[in-house]
Amino acid sequence: MHAEHTNQPTMKQWINHIRSLIQSPTTGVPFDGSRDAQEAYISSFQDEYGNRRSTDRPFLNHLFGLKKPLAQPLDDLPIDEQLWWMVQSQSYTAEQVFEIISPEGGLLRDETLAIEYRTKVELCGLHACWIIAQETSSERLKARCFDAAAWHTRQLQPDNAINRPWATQVFLALSHQSDDPETRNLAHLHAQTLIHNTSISFGKPDLLSALILHDVVRSLNHFTQ
């Protein structure tokens, strides 16, 4: 694996760029607030259009470090929801993740879903999978995340994901660590597109995208330590 490639921005440059994009949209988010303030923020959270997704609560719980036990069975939930509830509860092992994801290609076993929905679920789930790989120090799961990311760059377009930058950190890591020049290039372009698309609607990242990118930066910091 190669640590850096001089024809691409460094991880530090990516971090600084993303931070500059999300500074304004995340003003007022209680990252350092009290637990009560964070709970209130999560309970009332909605995007600029008044929408709230089923993955928002576990994602925001993770973002604020509010780890809670599972309050519901996961078996009947879409894979991205399953993975995010696992993350926020810290109730998982890497092997449990392998039990619910596809052994190759994308993470979903069901390939009949509409392309936009599938891309969203794939990327949202990949973001959660990467967190679990990091937190469990599972090289096998990290490799599976890279395989899924490489598959994405060849099979699915990032602008099918309703302009949300889920799993951007996986593509950036792959763009720096893959031994294959084509894979590095495709992953770099994929990450660029995911980040760029967050600003299409408002000229800056929407609120949820900015929060996702905040978590991306937190993940990328591992590469600069």
Protein backbone atom coordinates (compact mmCIF):
# COMPACT_ATOMS: atom_id res chain seq x y z
CA MET A 1 0.00 0.00 0.00
CA HIS A 2 1.21 3.52 -0.81
CA ALA A 3 0.85 6.16 1.88
CA GLU A 4 0.73 9.23 -0.41
CA HIS A 5 0.66 10.10 -4.11
CA THR A 6 2.10 13.43 -5.16
CA ASN A 7 -0.43 13.99 -7.96
CA GLN A 8 -3.25 14.21 -5.40
CA PRO A 9 -3.93 16.55 -2.47
CA THR A 10 -2.59 15.29 0.83
CA MET A 11 -4.97 14.21 3.57
CA LYS A 12 -4.14 17.43 5.44
CA GLN A 13 -5.13 19.47 2.39
CA TRP A 14 -8.40 17.56 2.11
CA ILE A 15 -9.10 18.13 5.80
CA ASN A 16 -8.48 21.87 5.50
CA HIS A 17 -10.63 22.11 2.38
CA ILE A 18 -13.55 20.25 3.93
CA ARG A 19 -13.31 22.28 7.15
CA SER A 20 -13.55 25.49 5.13
CA LEU A 21 -16.69 24.22 3.41
CA ILE A 22 -18.54 23.21 6.58
CA GLN A 23 -17.59 26.06 8.91
CA SER A 24 -20.67 28.14 8.06
CA PRO A 25 -23.29 25.36 7.80
CA THR A 26 -22.31 23.86 11.17
CA THR A 27 -22.35 27.14 13.11
CA GLY A 28 -24.54 26.59 16.16
CA VAL A 29 -24.30 22.79 16.14
CA PRO A 30 -23.63 21.81 19.80
CA PHE A 31 -20.57 19.62 19.25
CA ASP A 32 -19.19 20.78 22.60
CA GLY A 33 -22.56 21.41 24.24
CA SER A 34 -24.12 19.65 27.18
CA ARG A 35 -25.70 16.26 26.77
CA ASP A 36 -29.14 17.87 27.20
CA ALA A 37 -28.39 20.37 24.42
CA GLN A 38 -27.21 17.59 22.13
CA GLU A 39 -30.25 15.41 22.89
CA ALA A 40 -32.53 18.37 22.15
CA TYR A 41 -30.71 19.05 18.88
CA ILE A 42 -31.07 15.43 17.79
CA SER A 43 -34.76 15.27 18.73
CA SER A 44 -35.61 18.39 16.72
CA PHE A 45 -33.21 17.81 13.83
CA GLN A 46 -34.45 18.15 10.26
CA ASP A 47 -32.87 19.33 7.03
CA GLU A 48 -33.56 22.54 5.13
CA TYR A 49 -36.66 20.96 3.58
CA GLY A 50 -38.06 19.75 6.90
CA ASN A 51 -37.09 16.13 6.20
CA ARG A 52 -35.76 13.61 8.70
CA ARG A 53 -34.41 10.21 7.70
CA SER A 54 -34.43 6.97 9.66
CA THR A 55 -30.63 7.01 9.86
CA ASP A 56 -30.44 10.55 11.26
CA ARG A 57 -30.83 9.67 14.93
CA PRO A 58 -28.19 6.91 15.12
CA PHE A 59 -25.82 8.97 12.98
CA LEU A 60 -26.23 12.05 15.18
CA ASN A 61 -25.90 9.95 18.33
CA HIS A 62 -22.58 8.72 16.95
CA LEU A 63 -21.52 12.23 15.94
CA PHE A 64 -22.07 13.57 19.46
CA GLY A 65 -20.68 10.46 21.15
CA LEU A 66 -24.02 9.52 22.70
CA LYS A 67 -23.74 5.75 22.79
CA LYS A 68 -26.97 3.98 23.72
CA PRO A 69 -28.15 0.36 23.88
CA LEU A 70 -30.25 -0.97 21.04
CA ALA A 71 -33.95 -0.37 21.65
CA GLN A 72 -35.27 -2.47 18.75
CA PRO A 73 -34.44 -5.59 16.72
CA LEU A 74 -32.49 -4.86 13.55
CA ASP A 75 -33.26 -7.82 11.31
CA ASP A 76 -36.04 -6.20 9.25
CA LEU A 77 -34.32 -2.84 8.75
CA PRO A 78 -32.46 -1.75 5.59
CA ILE A 79 -28.76 -2.47 5.82
CA ASP A 80 -27.71 1.16 6.31
CA GLU A 81 -30.06 1.49 9.29
CA GLN A 82 -28.82 -1.78 10.76
CA LEU A 83 -25.22 -0.65 10.50
CA TRP A 84 -25.85 2.81 11.97
CA TRP A 85 -27.76 1.45 14.96
CA MET A 86 -24.86 -0.94 15.51
CA VAL A 87 -22.44 1.99 15.41
CA GLN A 88 -24.38 4.20 17.83
CA SER A 89 -24.86 1.37 20.31
CA GLN A 90 -21.30 0.03 19.98
CA SER A 91 -23.05 -3.35 19.95
CA TYR A 92 -21.19 -5.15 17.19
CA THR A 93 -18.25 -7.16 16.04
CA ALA A 94 -16.70 -7.18 12.60
CA GLU A 95 -17.97 -10.73 12.13
CA GLN A 96 -21.55 -9.58 12.77
CA VAL A 97 -21.14 -7.05 9.97
CA PHE A 98 -19.95 -9.74 7.57
CA GLU A 99 -23.11 -11.69 8.34
CA ILE A 100 -25.37 -8.97 6.90
CA ILE A 101 -23.35 -7.59 3.98
CA SER A 102 -22.69 -9.15 0.61
CA PRO A 103 -19.37 -11.02 0.38
CA GLU A 104 -18.32 -9.12 -2.76
CA GLY A 105 -19.23 -6.12 -4.89
CA GLY A 106 -21.50 -3.66 -3.13
CA LEU A 107 -22.69 -4.18 0.42
CA LEU A 108 -26.32 -4.98 -0.46
CA ARG A 109 -27.34 -8.52 -1.26
CA ASP A 110 -30.48 -7.26 -3.02
CA GLU A 111 -29.52 -5.91 -6.46
CA THR A 112 -33.09 -5.18 -7.57
CA LEU A 113 -33.48 -1.85 -5.76
CA ALA A 114 -33.90 1.43 -7.66
CA ILE A 115 -30.50 2.91 -8.49
CA GLU A 116 -30.90 6.14 -6.50
CA TYR A 117 -32.10 4.35 -3.38
CA ARG A 118 -29.50 1.64 -3.68
CA THR A 119 -26.67 4.16 -4.05
CA LYS A 120 -27.84 6.04 -0.98
CA VAL A 121 -28.11 2.87 1.11
CA GLU A 122 -24.77 1.56 -0.17
CA LEU A 123 -22.84 4.74 0.63
CA CYS A 124 -24.58 5.40 3.93
CA GLY A 125 -23.90 1.82 4.97
CA LEU A 126 -20.29 1.98 3.77
CA HIS A 127 -19.69 5.02 5.99
CA ALA A 128 -20.94 3.06 9.02
CA CYS A 129 -18.95 -0.03 8.00
CA TRP A 130 -15.75 2.00 7.89
CA ILE A 131 -16.36 3.28 11.42
CA ILE A 132 -16.81 -0.28 12.65
CA ALA A 133 -13.64 -1.38 10.82
CA GLN A 134 -11.71 1.40 12.53
CA GLU A 135 -13.18 0.87 15.97
CA THR A 136 -12.65 -2.90 15.89
CA SER A 137 -9.23 -2.62 14.20
CA SER A 138 -10.45 -5.17 11.66
CA GLU A 139 -8.13 -5.24 8.65
CA ARG A 140 -10.47 -7.72 6.98
CA LEU A 141 -13.44 -5.35 7.24
CA LYS A 142 -11.29 -2.42 6.14
CA ALA A 143 -10.29 -4.42 3.05
CA ARG A 144 -13.96 -5.24 2.39
CA CYS A 145 -14.79 -1.51 2.61
CA PHE A 146 -12.06 -0.79 0.05
CA ASP A 147 -13.44 -3.52 -2.23
CA ALA A 148 -16.93 -2.01 -1.98
CA ALA A 149 -15.58 1.49 -2.64
CA ALA A 150 -13.66 0.29 -5.72
CA TRP A 151 -16.83 -1.42 -6.95
CA HIS A 152 -18.73 1.84 -6.50
CA THR A 153 -16.29 3.78 -8.64
CA ARG A 154 -16.90 1.39 -11.50
CA GLN A 155 -20.61 0.61 -11.14
CA LEU A 156 -22.48 3.50 -9.49
CA GLN A 157 -22.37 7.26 -10.00
CA PRO A 158 -21.94 9.35 -6.82
CA ASP A 159 -24.52 11.89 -7.99
CA ASN A 160 -27.18 9.17 -7.63
CA ALA A 161 -26.80 9.50 -3.86
CA ILE A 162 -29.05 12.58 -3.44
CA ASN A 163 -25.95 14.76 -3.08
CA ARG A 164 -24.88 13.47 0.31
CA PRO A 165 -21.16 12.75 0.93
CA TRP A 166 -21.51 9.43 2.76
CA ALA A 167 -18.28 7.40 2.90
CA THR A 168 -16.13 10.14 1.36
CA GLN A 169 -13.34 9.17 3.76
CA VAL A 170 -13.30 5.63 2.37
CA PHE A 171 -12.77 6.87 -1.18
CA LEU A 172 -10.06 9.31 -0.06
CA ALA A 173 -8.28 6.56 1.87
CA LEU A 174 -8.53 4.26 -1.14
CA SER A 175 -7.18 7.01 -3.42
CA HIS A 176 -4.06 7.20 -1.25
CA GLN A 177 -3.56 3.56 -0.35
CA SER A 178 -4.43 1.42 -3.36
CA ASP A 179 -1.59 -0.13 -5.34
CA ASP A 180 -3.56 0.23 -8.59
CA PRO A 181 -3.23 3.62 -10.36
CA GLU A 182 -6.66 3.40 -11.99
CA THR A 183 -8.34 2.58 -8.68
CA ARG A 184 -6.55 5.50 -7.02
CA ASN A 185 -7.66 7.88 -9.74
CA LEU A 186 -11.28 6.71 -9.81
CA ALA A 187 -11.52 6.87 -6.01
CA HIS A 188 -10.08 10.39 -6.03
CA LEU A 189 -12.62 11.54 -8.64
CA HIS A 190 -15.44 9.83 -6.73
CA ALA A 191 -14.53 11.65 -3.52
CA GLN A 192 -14.23 14.96 -5.38
CA THR A 193 -17.70 14.52 -6.84
CA LEU A 194 -19.26 13.56 -3.52
CA ILE A 195 -17.84 16.71 -1.90
CA HIS A 196 -18.68 19.00 -4.82
CA ASN A 197 -22.27 17.79 -5.06
CA THR A 198 -23.03 18.87 -1.49
CA SER A 199 -22.96 22.52 -2.59
CA ILE A 200 -25.17 22.25 -5.66
CA SER A 201 -28.44 23.30 -4.01
CA PHE A 202 -27.30 26.14 -1.73
CA GLY A 203 -23.80 27.06 -2.89
CA LYS A 204 -22.46 25.44 0.28
CA PRO A 205 -23.04 22.04 1.90
CA ASP A 206 -26.55 21.49 3.22
CA LEU A 207 -26.80 20.87 6.96
CA LEU A 208 -26.85 17.06 6.90
CA SER A 209 -24.02 16.95 4.36
CA ALA A 210 -21.97 19.31 6.52
CA LEU A 211 -22.49 17.05 9.53
CA ILE A 212 -21.49 14.02 7.47
CA LEU A 213 -18.36 15.87 6.32
CA HIS A 214 -17.59 16.76 9.93
CA ASP A 215 -17.44 13.02 10.63
CA VAL A 216 -15.37 12.51 7.46
CA VAL A 217 -12.78 14.97 8.77
CA ARG A 218 -12.72 13.19 12.11
CA SER A 219 -11.96 9.93 10.29
CA LEU A 220 -9.32 11.48 8.04
CA ASN A 221 -7.47 12.85 11.07
CA HIS A 222 -6.31 9.26 11.72
CA PHE A 223 -4.15 9.54 8.61
CA THR A 224 -2.32 12.65 9.82
CA GLN A 225 -1.39 11.44 13.30
